[in-house]
C-alpha atoms as a PDB file:
ATOM      1  CA  UNK A   1      34.105 217.076  63.233  1.00  0.00           C
ATOM      2  CA  UNK A   2      37.181 219.380  63.205  1.00  0.00           C
ATOM      3  CA  UNK A   3      36.302 220.859  59.793  1.00  0.00           C
ATOM      4  CA  UNK A   4      32.743 221.590  60.913  1.00  0.00           C
ATOM      5  CA  UNK A   5      33.997 223.316  64.079  1.00  0.00           C
ATOM      6  CA  UNK A   6      36.400 225.343  61.936  1.00  0.00           C
ATOM      7  CA  UNK A   7      33.541 226.528  59.659  1.00  0.00           C
ATOM      8  CA  UNK A   8      31.562 227.691  62.675  1.00  0.00           C
ATOM      9  CA  UNK A   9      34.535 229.713  63.868  1.00  0.00           C
ATOM     10  CA  UNK A  10      35.002 231.222  60.385  1.00  0.00           C
ATOM     11  CA  UNK A  11      31.371 232.266  60.313  1.00  0.00           C
ATOM     12  CA  UNK A  12      31.730 233.935  63.696  1.00  0.00           C
ATOM     13  CA  UNK A  13      34.805 235.804  62.472  1.00  0.00           C
ATOM     14  CA  UNK A  14      33.061 237.113  59.320  1.00  0.00           C
ATOM     15  CA  UNK A  15      29.989 238.506  61.135  1.00  0.00           C
ATOM     16  CA  UNK A  16      30.673 241.018  63.860  1.00  0.00           C
ATOM     17  CA  UNK A  17      27.001 241.469  64.784  1.00  0.00           C
ATOM     18  CA  UNK A  18      26.045 237.815  65.131  1.00  0.00           C
ATOM     19  CA  UNK A  19      22.493 237.098  66.381  1.00  0.00           C
ATOM     20  CA  UNK A  20      22.435 235.091  69.614  1.00  0.00           C
ATOM     21  CA  UNK A  21      20.003 232.528  68.197  1.00  0.00           C
ATOM     22  CA  UNK A  22      22.197 231.902  65.175  1.00  0.00           C
ATOM     23  CA  UNK A  23      25.243 231.647  67.422  1.00  0.00           C
ATOM     24  CA  UNK A  24      23.621 228.959  69.531  1.00  0.00           C
ATOM     25  CA  UNK A  25      22.481 227.109  66.423  1.00  0.00           C
ATOM     26  CA  UNK A  26      25.980 227.019  65.035  1.00  0.00           C
ATOM     27  CA  UNK A  27      27.468 225.903  68.307  1.00  0.00           C
ATOM     28  CA  UNK A  28      24.971 223.033  68.295  1.00  0.00           C
ATOM     29  CA  UNK A  29      26.023 221.807  64.862  1.00  0.00           C
ATOM     30  CA  UNK A  30      28.739 219.395  66.040  1.00  0.00           C
ATOM     31  CA  UNK A  31      26.272 217.751  68.468  1.00  0.00           C
ATOM     32  CA  UNK A  32      23.667 217.352  65.693  1.00  0.00           C
ATOM     33  CA  UNK A  33      26.336 215.783  63.507  1.00  0.00           C
ATOM     34  CA  UNK A  34      27.127 213.297  66.287  1.00  0.00           C
ATOM     35  CA  UNK A  35      23.426 212.475  66.589  1.00  0.00           C
ATOM     36  CA  UNK A  36      23.214 211.879  62.848  1.00  0.00           C
ATOM     37  CA  UNK A  37      26.126 209.448  62.955  1.00  0.00           C
ATOM     38  CA  UNK A  38      24.694 207.565  65.935  1.00  0.00           C
ATOM     39  CA  UNK A  39      21.249 207.490  64.308  1.00  0.00           C
ATOM     40  CA  UNK A  40      22.709 205.923  61.166  1.00  0.00           C
ATOM     41  CA  UNK A  41      24.521 203.274  63.193  1.00  0.00           C
ATOM     42  CA  UNK A  42      21.435 202.376  65.211  1.00  0.00           C
ATOM     43  CA  UNK A  43      19.243 202.130  62.108  1.00  0.00           C
ATOM     44  CA  UNK A  44      21.731 199.713  60.548  1.00  0.00           C
ATOM     45  CA  UNK A  45      21.248 197.515  63.616  1.00  0.00           C
ATOM     46  CA  UNK A  46      17.468 197.539  63.210  1.00  0.00           C
ATOM     47  CA  UNK A  47      16.600 200.458  65.467  1.00  0.00           C
ATOM     48  CA  UNK A  48      13.770 202.888  64.819  1.00  0.00           C
ATOM     49  CA  UNK A  49      15.079 206.421  65.297  1.00  0.00           C
ATOM     50  CA  UNK A  50      13.170 209.709  65.391  1.00  0.00           C
ATOM     51  CA  UNK A  51      14.853 213.093  65.068  1.00  0.00           C
ATOM     52  CA  UNK A  52      13.749 216.668  65.648  1.00  0.00           C
ATOM     53  CA  UNK A  53      15.873 219.490  64.313  1.00  0.00           C
ATOM     54  CA  UNK A  54      18.813 217.161  63.773  1.00  0.00           C
ATOM     55  CA  UNK A  55      18.715 215.813  67.331  1.00  0.00           C
ATOM     56  CA  UNK A  56      17.651 212.239  68.129  1.00  0.00           C
ATOM     57  CA  UNK A  57      14.647 212.219  70.451  1.00  0.00           C
ATOM     58  CA  UNK A  58      13.478 208.598  70.228  1.00  0.00           C
ATOM     59  CA  UNK A  59      15.173 205.216  69.802  1.00  0.00           C
ATOM     60  CA  UNK A  60      13.296 201.900  69.758  1.00  0.00           C
ATOM     61  CA  UNK A  61      14.556 198.360  69.264  1.00  0.00           C
ATOM     62  CA  UNK A  62      12.421 195.250  68.929  1.00  0.00           C
ATOM     63  CA  UNK A  63      15.578 193.108  68.913  1.00  0.00           C
ATOM     64  CA  UNK A  64      18.475 194.279  71.080  1.00  0.00           C
ATOM     65  CA  UNK A  65      20.525 191.110  70.792  1.00  0.00           C
ATOM     66  CA  UNK A  66      23.196 192.861  68.699  1.00  0.00           C
ATOM     67  CA  UNK A  67      23.732 195.759  71.087  1.00  0.00           C
ATOM     68  CA  UNK A  68      26.835 195.819  73.246  1.00  0.00           C
ATOM     69  CA  UNK A  69      29.167 198.225  75.013  1.00  0.00           C
ATOM     70  CA  UNK A  70      29.893 200.376  71.961  1.00  0.00           C
ATOM     71  CA  UNK A  71      26.229 200.769  71.024  1.00  0.00           C
ATOM     72  CA  UNK A  72      25.124 201.689  74.549  1.00  0.00           C
ATOM     73  CA  UNK A  73      27.988 204.152  74.725  1.00  0.00           C
ATOM     74  CA  UNK A  74      26.679 205.783  71.528  1.00  0.00           C
ATOM     75  CA  UNK A  75      23.103 205.877  72.829  1.00  0.00           C
ATOM     76  CA  UNK A  76      24.353 207.528  75.993  1.00  0.00           C
ATOM     77  CA  UNK A  77      25.660 210.431  73.895  1.00  0.00           C
ATOM     78  CA  UNK A  78      22.177 211.370  72.674  1.00  0.00           C
ATOM     79  CA  UNK A  79      21.569 214.310  74.993  1.00  0.00           C
ATOM     80  CA  UNK A  80      18.137 215.128  73.530  1.00  0.00           C
ATOM     81  CA  UNK A  81      16.824 211.559  73.786  1.00  0.00           C
ATOM     82  CA  UNK A  82      13.393 211.449  75.439  1.00  0.00           C
ATOM     83  CA  UNK A  83      12.230 207.898  74.707  1.00  0.00           C
ATOM     84  CA  UNK A  84      14.307 204.712  74.715  1.00  0.00           C
ATOM     85  CA  UNK A  85      12.870 201.239  74.098  1.00  0.00           C
ATOM     86  CA  UNK A  86      15.191 198.247  74.365  1.00  0.00           C
ATOM     87  CA  UNK A  87      13.107 195.129  73.756  1.00  0.00           C
ATOM     88  CA  UNK A  88      14.094 191.683  72.531  1.00  0.00           C
ATOM     89  CA  UNK A  89      16.797 190.013  74.637  1.00  0.00           C
ATOM     90  CA  UNK A  90      18.705 193.090  75.680  1.00  0.00           C
ATOM     91  CA  UNK A  91      21.342 190.947  77.375  1.00  0.00           C
ATOM     92  CA  UNK A  92      24.088 193.392  76.492  1.00  0.00           C
ATOM     93  CA  UNK A  93      22.811 195.917  79.022  1.00  0.00           C
ATOM     94  CA  UNK A  94      24.664 194.908  82.182  1.00  0.00           C
ATOM     95  CA  UNK A  95      26.103 196.593  85.261  1.00  0.00           C
ATOM     96  CA  UNK A  96      29.123 197.509  83.140  1.00  0.00           C
ATOM     97  CA  UNK A  97      27.175 199.029  80.230  1.00  0.00           C
ATOM     98  CA  UNK A  98      24.151 200.570  81.950  1.00  0.00           C
ATOM     99  CA  UNK A  99      26.429 203.296  83.262  1.00  0.00           C
ATOM    100  CA  UNK A 100      26.538 204.688  79.704  1.00  0.00           C
ATOM    101  CA  UNK A 101      22.861 205.631  80.004  1.00  0.00           C
ATOM    102  CA  UNK A 102      23.329 207.699  83.160  1.00  0.00           C
ATOM    103  CA  UNK A 103      23.935 210.854  81.116  1.00  0.00           C
ATOM    104  CA  UNK A 104      20.538 210.780  79.372  1.00  0.00           C
ATOM    105  CA  UNK A 105      19.204 213.660  81.452  1.00  0.00           C
ATOM    106  CA  UNK A 106      16.378 214.451  78.993  1.00  0.00           C
ATOM    107  CA  UNK A 107      15.026 210.880  79.006  1.00  0.00           C
ATOM    108  CA  UNK A 108      11.350 210.614  79.935  1.00  0.00           C
ATOM    109  CA  UNK A 109      10.418 207.051  78.904  1.00  0.00           C
ATOM    110  CA  UNK A 110      12.452 203.861  79.277  1.00  0.00           C
ATOM    111  CA  UNK A 111      11.324 200.375  78.257  1.00  0.00           C
ATOM    112  CA  UNK A 112      13.546 197.299  78.631  1.00  0.00           C
ATOM    113  CA  UNK A 113      13.391 193.544  78.126  1.00  0.00           C
ATOM    114  CA  UNK A 114      15.953 191.021  79.295  1.00  0.00           C
ATOM    115  CA  UNK A 115      18.567 193.389  80.670  1.00  0.00           C
ATOM    116  CA  UNK A 116      21.095 191.597  82.867  1.00  0.00           C
ATOM    117  CA  UNK A 117      21.683 194.045  85.697  1.00  0.00           C
ATOM    118  CA  UNK A 118      21.887 193.548  89.442  1.00  0.00           C
ATOM    119  CA  UNK A 119      20.213 195.648  92.106  1.00  0.00           C
ATOM    120  CA  UNK A 120      23.409 197.676  92.298  1.00  0.00           C
ATOM    121  CA  UNK A 121      23.321 198.262  88.540  1.00  0.00           C
ATOM    122  CA  UNK A 122      19.815 199.727  88.698  1.00  0.00           C
ATOM    123  CA  UNK A 123      21.131 202.613  90.754  1.00  0.00           C
ATOM    124  CA  UNK A 124      22.771 204.157  87.699  1.00  0.00           C
ATOM    125  CA  UNK A 125      19.318 204.999  86.372  1.00  0.00           C
ATOM    126  CA  UNK A 126      18.685 207.196  89.412  1.00  0.00           C
ATOM    127  CA  UNK A 127      20.682 209.859  87.525  1.00  0.00           C
ATOM    128  CA  UNK A 128      17.792 210.455  85.059  1.00  0.00           C
ATOM    129  CA  UNK A 129      15.933 213.449  86.564  1.00  0.00           C
ATOM    130  CA  UNK A 130      13.235 213.669  83.876  1.00  0.00           C
ATOM    131  CA  UNK A 131      12.264 209.986  83.815  1.00  0.00           C
ATOM    132  CA  UNK A 132       8.461 209.654  83.974  1.00  0.00           C
ATOM    133  CA  UNK A 133       7.845 206.070  82.909  1.00  0.00           C
ATOM    134  CA  UNK A 134       9.991 202.930  83.220  1.00  0.00           C
ATOM    135  CA  UNK A 135       9.296 199.280  82.458  1.00  0.00           C
ATOM    136  CA  UNK A 136      11.469 196.261  83.147  1.00  0.00           C
ATOM    137  CA  UNK A 137      10.499 192.934  81.578  1.00  0.00           C
ATOM    138  CA  UNK A 138      12.565 189.814  82.339  1.00  0.00           C
ATOM    139  CA  UNK A 139      15.202 191.789  84.177  1.00  0.00           C
ATOM    140  CA  UNK A 140      18.012 189.476  85.384  1.00  0.00           C
ATOM    141  CA  UNK A 141      15.983 186.453  84.249  1.00  0.00           C
ATOM    142  CA  UNK A 142      16.428 183.601  85.017  1.00  0.00           C
ATOM    143  CA  UNK A 143      17.132 184.045  88.719  1.00  0.00           C
ATOM    144  CA  UNK A 144      20.546 185.663  89.171  1.00  0.00           C
ATOM    145  CA  UNK A 145      20.167 186.966  92.695  1.00  0.00           C
ATOM    146  CA  UNK A 146      18.119 189.981  91.672  1.00  0.00           C
ATOM    147  CA  UNK A 147      15.482 191.014  94.236  1.00  0.00           C
ATOM    148  CA  UNK A 148      14.425 194.496  93.164  1.00  0.00           C
ATOM    149  CA  UNK A 149      15.968 196.197  96.197  1.00  0.00           C
ATOM    150  CA  UNK A 150      17.778 198.483  93.762  1.00  0.00           C
ATOM    151  CA  UNK A 151      14.524 200.285  92.971  1.00  0.00           C
ATOM    152  CA  UNK A 152      14.980 202.106  96.272  1.00  0.00           C
ATOM    153  CA  UNK A 153      17.403 204.404  94.441  1.00  0.00           C
ATOM    154  CA  UNK A 154      14.515 205.647  92.284  1.00  0.00           C
ATOM    155  CA  UNK A 155      13.372 207.811  95.200  1.00  0.00           C
ATOM    156  CA  UNK A 156      15.520 210.534  93.676  1.00  0.00           C
ATOM    157  CA  UNK A 157      13.441 210.569  90.458  1.00  0.00           C
ATOM    158  CA  UNK A 158      10.848 213.259  91.218  1.00  0.00           C
ATOM    159  CA  UNK A 159       8.906 212.873  87.960  1.00  0.00           C
ATOM    160  CA  UNK A 160       8.633 209.068  87.926  1.00  0.00           C
ATOM    161  CA  UNK A 161       4.916 208.238  87.821  1.00  0.00           C
ATOM    162  CA  UNK A 162       4.706 204.858  86.063  1.00  0.00           C
ATOM    163  CA  UNK A 163       6.679 201.701  86.828  1.00  0.00           C
ATOM    164  CA  UNK A 164       6.309 198.159  85.447  1.00  0.00           C
ATOM    165  CA  UNK A 165       8.223 195.122  86.721  1.00  0.00           C
ATOM    166  CA  UNK A 166       7.377 191.710  85.223  1.00  0.00           C
ATOM    167  CA  UNK A 167       8.820 188.294  84.453  1.00  0.00           C
ATOM    168  CA  UNK A 168      11.691 188.566  86.909  1.00  0.00           C
ATOM    169  CA  UNK A 169      12.909 187.232  90.282  1.00  0.00           C
ATOM    170  CA  UNK A 170      11.774 190.536  91.827  1.00  0.00           C
ATOM    171  CA  UNK A 171      10.489 189.587  95.292  1.00  0.00           C
ATOM    172  CA  UNK A 172       9.140 191.025  98.554  1.00  0.00           C
ATOM    173  CA  UNK A 173      12.338 193.021  99.089  1.00  0.00           C
ATOM    174  CA  UNK A 174      11.652 194.624  95.726  1.00  0.00           C
ATOM    175  CA  UNK A 175       8.054 195.309  96.702  1.00  0.00           C
ATOM    176  CA  UNK A 176       9.298 197.068  99.835  1.00  0.00           C
ATOM    177  CA  UNK A 177      11.659 199.187  97.723  1.00  0.00           C
ATOM    178  CA  UNK A 178       8.904 200.152  95.280  1.00  0.00           C
ATOM    179  CA  UNK A 179       6.654 201.050  98.212  1.00  0.00           C
ATOM    180  CA  UNK A 180       9.121 203.794  99.040  1.00  0.00           C
ATOM    181  CA  UNK A 181       8.512 205.538  95.693  1.00  0.00           C
ATOM    182  CA  UNK A 182       5.829 207.921  96.933  1.00  0.00           C
ATOM    183  CA  UNK A 183       5.772 209.745  93.592  1.00  0.00           C
ATOM    184  CA  UNK A 184       4.274 206.756  91.727  1.00  0.00           C
ATOM    185  CA  UNK A 185       0.808 207.100  90.205  1.00  0.00           C
ATOM    186  CA  UNK A 186       0.835 203.726  88.408  1.00  0.00           C
ATOM    187  CA  UNK A 187       2.473 200.401  89.256  1.00  0.00           C
ATOM    188  CA  UNK A 188       2.196 197.139  87.300  1.00  0.00           C
ATOM    189  CA  UNK A 189       3.762 193.821  88.262  1.00  0.00           C
ATOM    190  CA  UNK A 190       3.227 190.139  87.458  1.00  0.00           C
ATOM    191  CA  UNK A 191       5.149 186.874  87.085  1.00  0.00           C
ATOM    192  CA  UNK A 192       7.582 187.718  89.866  1.00  0.00           C
ATOM    193  CA  UNK A 193       8.374 186.105  93.229  1.00  0.00           C
ATOM    194  CA  UNK A 194       6.334 188.442  95.427  1.00  0.00           C
ATOM    195  CA  UNK A 195       4.064 186.913  98.062  1.00  0.00           C
ATOM    196  CA  UNK A 196       0.958 187.944  99.956  1.00  0.00           C
ATOM    197  CA  UNK A 197       3.234 189.578 102.518  1.00  0.00           C
ATOM    198  CA  UNK A 198       4.864 191.594  99.734  1.00  0.00           C
ATOM    199  CA  UNK A 199       1.480 192.947  98.661  1.00  0.00           C
ATOM    200  CA  UNK A 200       1.128 194.602 102.072  1.00  0.00           C
ATOM    201  CA  UNK A 201       3.942 196.994 101.173  1.00  0.00           C
ATOM    202  CA  UNK A 202       1.690 198.579  98.540  1.00  0.00           C
ATOM    203  CA  UNK A 203      -0.297 200.281 101.297  1.00  0.00           C
ATOM    204  CA  UNK A 204       2.505 202.840 101.566  1.00  0.00           C
ATOM    205  CA  UNK A 205       1.747 204.095  98.047  1.00  0.00           C
ATOM    206  CA  UNK A 206      -0.963 206.488  99.176  1.00  0.00           C
ATOM    207  CA  UNK A 207      -1.023 208.404  95.879  1.00  0.00           C
ATOM    208  CA  UNK A 208      -1.281 205.375  93.583  1.00  0.00           C
ATOM    209  CA  UNK A 209      -4.139 205.648  91.082  1.00  0.00           C
ATOM    210  CA  UNK A 210      -3.563 202.624  88.828  1.00  0.00           C
ATOM    211  CA  UNK A 211      -2.483 199.154  89.930  1.00  0.00           C
ATOM    212  CA  UNK A 212      -2.031 196.025  87.833  1.00  0.00           C
ATOM    213  CA  UNK A 213      -1.229 192.993  89.989  1.00  0.00           C
ATOM    214  CA  UNK A 214      -0.617 189.582  88.448  1.00  0.00           C
ATOM    215  CA  UNK A 215       0.080 186.130  89.842  1.00  0.00           C
ATOM    216  CA  UNK A 216       3.607 185.163  90.905  1.00  0.00           C
ATOM    217  CA  UNK A 217       5.837 182.794  88.975  1.00  0.00           C
ATOM    218  CA  UNK A 218       5.807 179.215  90.124  1.00  0.00           C
ATOM    219  CA  UNK A 219       8.904 178.156  92.013  1.00  0.00           C
ATOM    220  CA  UNK A 220      10.246 174.641  91.763  1.00  0.00           C
ATOM    221  CA  UNK A 221      12.846 172.580  93.590  1.00  0.00           C
ATOM    222  CA  UNK A 222      10.591 171.672  96.486  1.00  0.00           C
ATOM    223  CA  UNK A 223       9.859 175.289  97.432  1.00  0.00           C
ATOM    224  CA  UNK A 224       6.307 176.207  98.474  1.00  0.00           C
ATOM    225  CA  UNK A 225       4.077 177.664  95.803  1.00  0.00           C
ATOM    226  CA  UNK A 226       1.866 179.959  97.823  1.00  0.00           C
ATOM    227  CA  UNK A 227      -0.376 182.194  95.722  1.00  0.00           C
ATOM    228  CA  UNK A 228       0.382 185.899  95.599  1.00  0.00           C
ATOM    229  CA  UNK A 229      -3.239 186.834  94.826  1.00  0.00           C
ATOM    230  CA  UNK A 230      -6.487 185.323  96.087  1.00  0.00           C
ATOM    231  CA  UNK A 231      -9.550 186.541  97.967  1.00  0.00           C
ATOM    232  CA  UNK A 232      -7.429 187.451 100.986  1.00  0.00           C
ATOM    233  CA  UNK A 233      -5.425 189.881  98.817  1.00  0.00           C
ATOM    234  CA  UNK A 234      -8.533 191.960  98.203  1.00  0.00           C
ATOM    235  CA  UNK A 235      -8.688 192.923 101.878  1.00  0.00           C
ATOM    236  CA  UNK A 236      -5.304 194.597 101.425  1.00  0.00           C
ATOM    237  CA  UNK A 237      -6.197 196.293  98.149  1.00  0.00           C
ATOM    238  CA  UNK A 238      -9.446 197.598  99.645  1.00  0.00           C
ATOM    239  CA  UNK A 239      -7.347 199.821 101.902  1.00  0.00           C
ATOM    240  CA  UNK A 240      -5.713 201.650  98.976  1.00  0.00           C
ATOM    241  CA  UNK A 241      -8.168 204.536  98.937  1.00  0.00           C
ATOM    242  CA  UNK A 242      -6.542 206.442  96.067  1.00  0.00           C
ATOM    243  CA  UNK A 243      -7.042 203.639  93.501  1.00  0.00           C
ATOM    244  CA  UNK A 244      -9.052 204.564  90.413  1.00  0.00           C
ATOM    245  CA  UNK A 245      -8.167 201.558  88.243  1.00  0.00           C
ATOM    246  CA  UNK A 246      -7.366 198.011  89.368  1.00  0.00           C
ATOM    247  CA  UNK A 247      -6.370 195.057  87.194  1.00  0.00           C
ATOM    248  CA  UNK A 248      -5.891 191.497  88.470  1.00  0.00           C
ATOM    249  CA  UNK A 249      -4.457 188.772  86.252  1.00  0.00           C
ATOM    250  CA  UNK A 250      -4.358 184.949  86.457  1.00  0.00           C
ATOM    251  CA  UNK A 251      -6.455 184.671  89.581  1.00  0.00           C
ATOM    252  CA  UNK A 252      -9.147 182.558  91.213  1.00  0.00           C
ATOM    253  CA  UNK A 253     -11.583 184.836  93.052  1.00  0.00           C
ATOM    254  CA  UNK A 254     -15.124 184.990  94.398  1.00  0.00           C
ATOM    255  CA  UNK A 255     -17.782 187.630  94.920  1.00  0.00           C
ATOM    256  CA  UNK A 256     -17.179 187.427  98.682  1.00  0.00           C
ATOM    257  CA  UNK A 257     -13.611 188.568  98.177  1.00  0.00           C
ATOM    258  CA  UNK A 258     -14.132 191.168  95.461  1.00  0.00           C
ATOM    259  CA  UNK A 259     -17.090 192.875  97.125  1.00  0.00           C
ATOM    260  CA  UNK A 260     -14.595 194.326  99.617  1.00  0.00           C
ATOM    261  CA  UNK A 261     -13.621 196.762  96.855  1.00  0.00           C
ATOM    262  CA  UNK A 262     -16.742 198.741  97.775  1.00  0.00           C
ATOM    263  CA  UNK A 263     -14.427 200.440 100.271  1.00  0.00           C
ATOM    264  CA  UNK A 264     -12.540 202.212  97.451  1.00  0.00           C
ATOM    265  CA  UNK A 265     -14.218 205.607  96.958  1.00  0.00           C
ATOM    266  CA  UNK A 266     -12.340 206.531  93.749  1.00  0.00           C
ATOM    267  CA  UNK A 267     -12.490 203.181  91.945  1.00  0.00           C
ATOM    268  CA  UNK A 268     -13.810 203.566  88.406  1.00  0.00           C
ATOM    269  CA  UNK A 269     -12.494 200.489  86.563  1.00  0.00           C
ATOM    270  CA  UNK A 270     -11.889 196.867  87.558  1.00  0.00           C
ATOM    271  CA  UNK A 271     -10.260 194.526  85.037  1.00  0.00           C
ATOM    272  CA  UNK A 272     -10.189 190.786  85.714  1.00  0.00           C
ATOM    273  CA  UNK A 273      -7.900 189.060  83.217  1.00  0.00           C
ATOM    274  CA  UNK A 274      -7.779 185.275  82.991  1.00  0.00           C
ATOM    275  CA  UNK A 275      -9.832 185.161  86.164  1.00  0.00           C
ATOM    276  CA  UNK A 276     -11.561 182.022  87.402  1.00  0.00           C
ATOM    277  CA  UNK A 277     -14.792 183.392  88.792  1.00  0.00           C
ATOM    278  CA  UNK A 278     -18.385 182.433  88.099  1.00  0.00           C
ATOM    279  CA  UNK A 279     -20.627 184.506  85.878  1.00  0.00           C
ATOM    280  CA  UNK A 280     -23.142 184.643  88.744  1.00  0.00           C
ATOM    281  CA  UNK A 281     -20.536 186.198  91.023  1.00  0.00           C
ATOM    282  CA  UNK A 282     -19.687 188.788  88.371  1.00  0.00           C
ATOM    283  CA  UNK A 283     -23.370 189.690  88.060  1.00  0.00           C
ATOM    284  CA  UNK A 284     -23.611 190.207  91.829  1.00  0.00           C
ATOM    285  CA  UNK A 285     -20.422 192.247  91.820  1.00  0.00           C
ATOM    286  CA  UNK A 286     -21.738 194.563  89.107  1.00  0.00           C
ATOM    287  CA  UNK A 287     -24.806 195.160  91.222  1.00  0.00           C
ATOM    288  CA  UNK A 288     -22.653 195.928  94.258  1.00  0.00           C
ATOM    289  CA  UNK A 289     -20.333 198.257  92.334  1.00  0.00           C
ATOM    290  CA  UNK A 290     -22.711 200.180  90.044  1.00  0.00           C
ATOM    291  CA  UNK A 291     -20.257 203.036  89.456  1.00  0.00           C
ATOM    292  CA  UNK A 292     -17.367 200.763  88.492  1.00  0.00           C
ATOM    293  CA  UNK A 293     -16.787 199.491  84.955  1.00  0.00           C
ATOM    294  CA  UNK A 294     -15.990 195.786  85.302  1.00  0.00           C
ATOM    295  CA  UNK A 295     -14.130 194.100  82.451  1.00  0.00           C
ATOM    296  CA  UNK A 296     -14.254 190.308  82.493  1.00  0.00           C
ATOM    297  CA  UNK A 297     -14.902 187.411  80.147  1.00  0.00           C
ATOM    298  CA  UNK A 298     -15.205 183.666  80.817  1.00  0.00           C
ATOM    299  CA  UNK A 299     -12.059 181.589  80.491  1.00  0.00           C
ATOM    300  CA  UNK A 300     -11.486 179.522  77.387  1.00  0.00           C
ATOM    301  CA  UNK A 301     -10.622 175.850  77.879  1.00  0.00           C
ATOM    302  CA  UNK A 302      -6.977 176.589  77.092  1.00  0.00           C
ATOM    303  CA  UNK A 303      -6.882 179.503  79.528  1.00  0.00           C
ATOM    304  CA  UNK A 304      -8.454 177.422  82.282  1.00  0.00           C
ATOM    305  CA  UNK A 305      -5.941 174.622  81.782  1.00  0.00           C
ATOM    306  CA  UNK A 306      -3.032 177.056  81.867  1.00  0.00           C
ATOM    307  CA  UNK A 307      -4.386 178.784  84.948  1.00  0.00           C
ATOM    308  CA  UNK A 308      -4.808 175.520  86.822  1.00  0.00           C
ATOM    309  CA  UNK A 309      -1.150 174.743  86.207  1.00  0.00           C
ATOM    310  CA  UNK A 310      -0.048 178.156  87.392  1.00  0.00           C
ATOM    311  CA  UNK A 311      -2.168 178.106  90.556  1.00  0.00           C
ATOM    312  CA  UNK A 312      -1.152 174.583  91.530  1.00  0.00           C
ATOM    313  CA  UNK A 313       0.109 174.597  95.118  1.00  0.00           C
END
């Protein structure tokens, strides 16, 4: 690093009339060298790294199990990084290590799986002004006191349009926090601990265009297993007038419930995944919603068996 800095200074000394563009390029050389070293390290650990002009712009891991404090510290030095994917048991990203990512001011896309942060830890990501899309799979899973309240800090992210939260103890407190993110255009959540009451918070997202809502995780230990989506949920969703696309997953519904979606003036697509509903009801619904593309297929025997277990009260 010192020898490279010395060569840049020598070049400046030799050329009195030094073009501004060339000057900036030379000054950037040490940073590019750092990026190259980090890129090499991350590739050795199985990461996929993309570079533009010597600067790392994208890092993706399918298996993060080997990443720890040192690796996240290195990633946090990639000032041109725009896309970061940390999938596959990213248990090394904790409240202590997530702080290393707070300097990624160019980051636009973040995808995570299995990070072990608390609600307080999430707040470090509120320092990413260019973040547009964020997904959190299995965050703090199994239940470690995480509720999702920490998402309230994301109010300071003006460009955040897409958020996914799934497979986590995220609950109604988390739903209330997400409802405060008025900048969201798309929200997806499933396999969490939200309830019917939590769904009501979504009404505050008056600019939301795309919503994917899946069934809650079953809770054991004698706790009630109330459904988070059924026909009564549709009455709430029918009030979200900005919706253009709606997806519902692992549900038991009827035409009487779904026909309430006629109240959505902008709705163009309805996707029913692993949905227990009769073919006759779907036919009636298509007639009632002629301008809406409805995606649905009958359950397989295996899907029906799995759904019955999930929806068991």
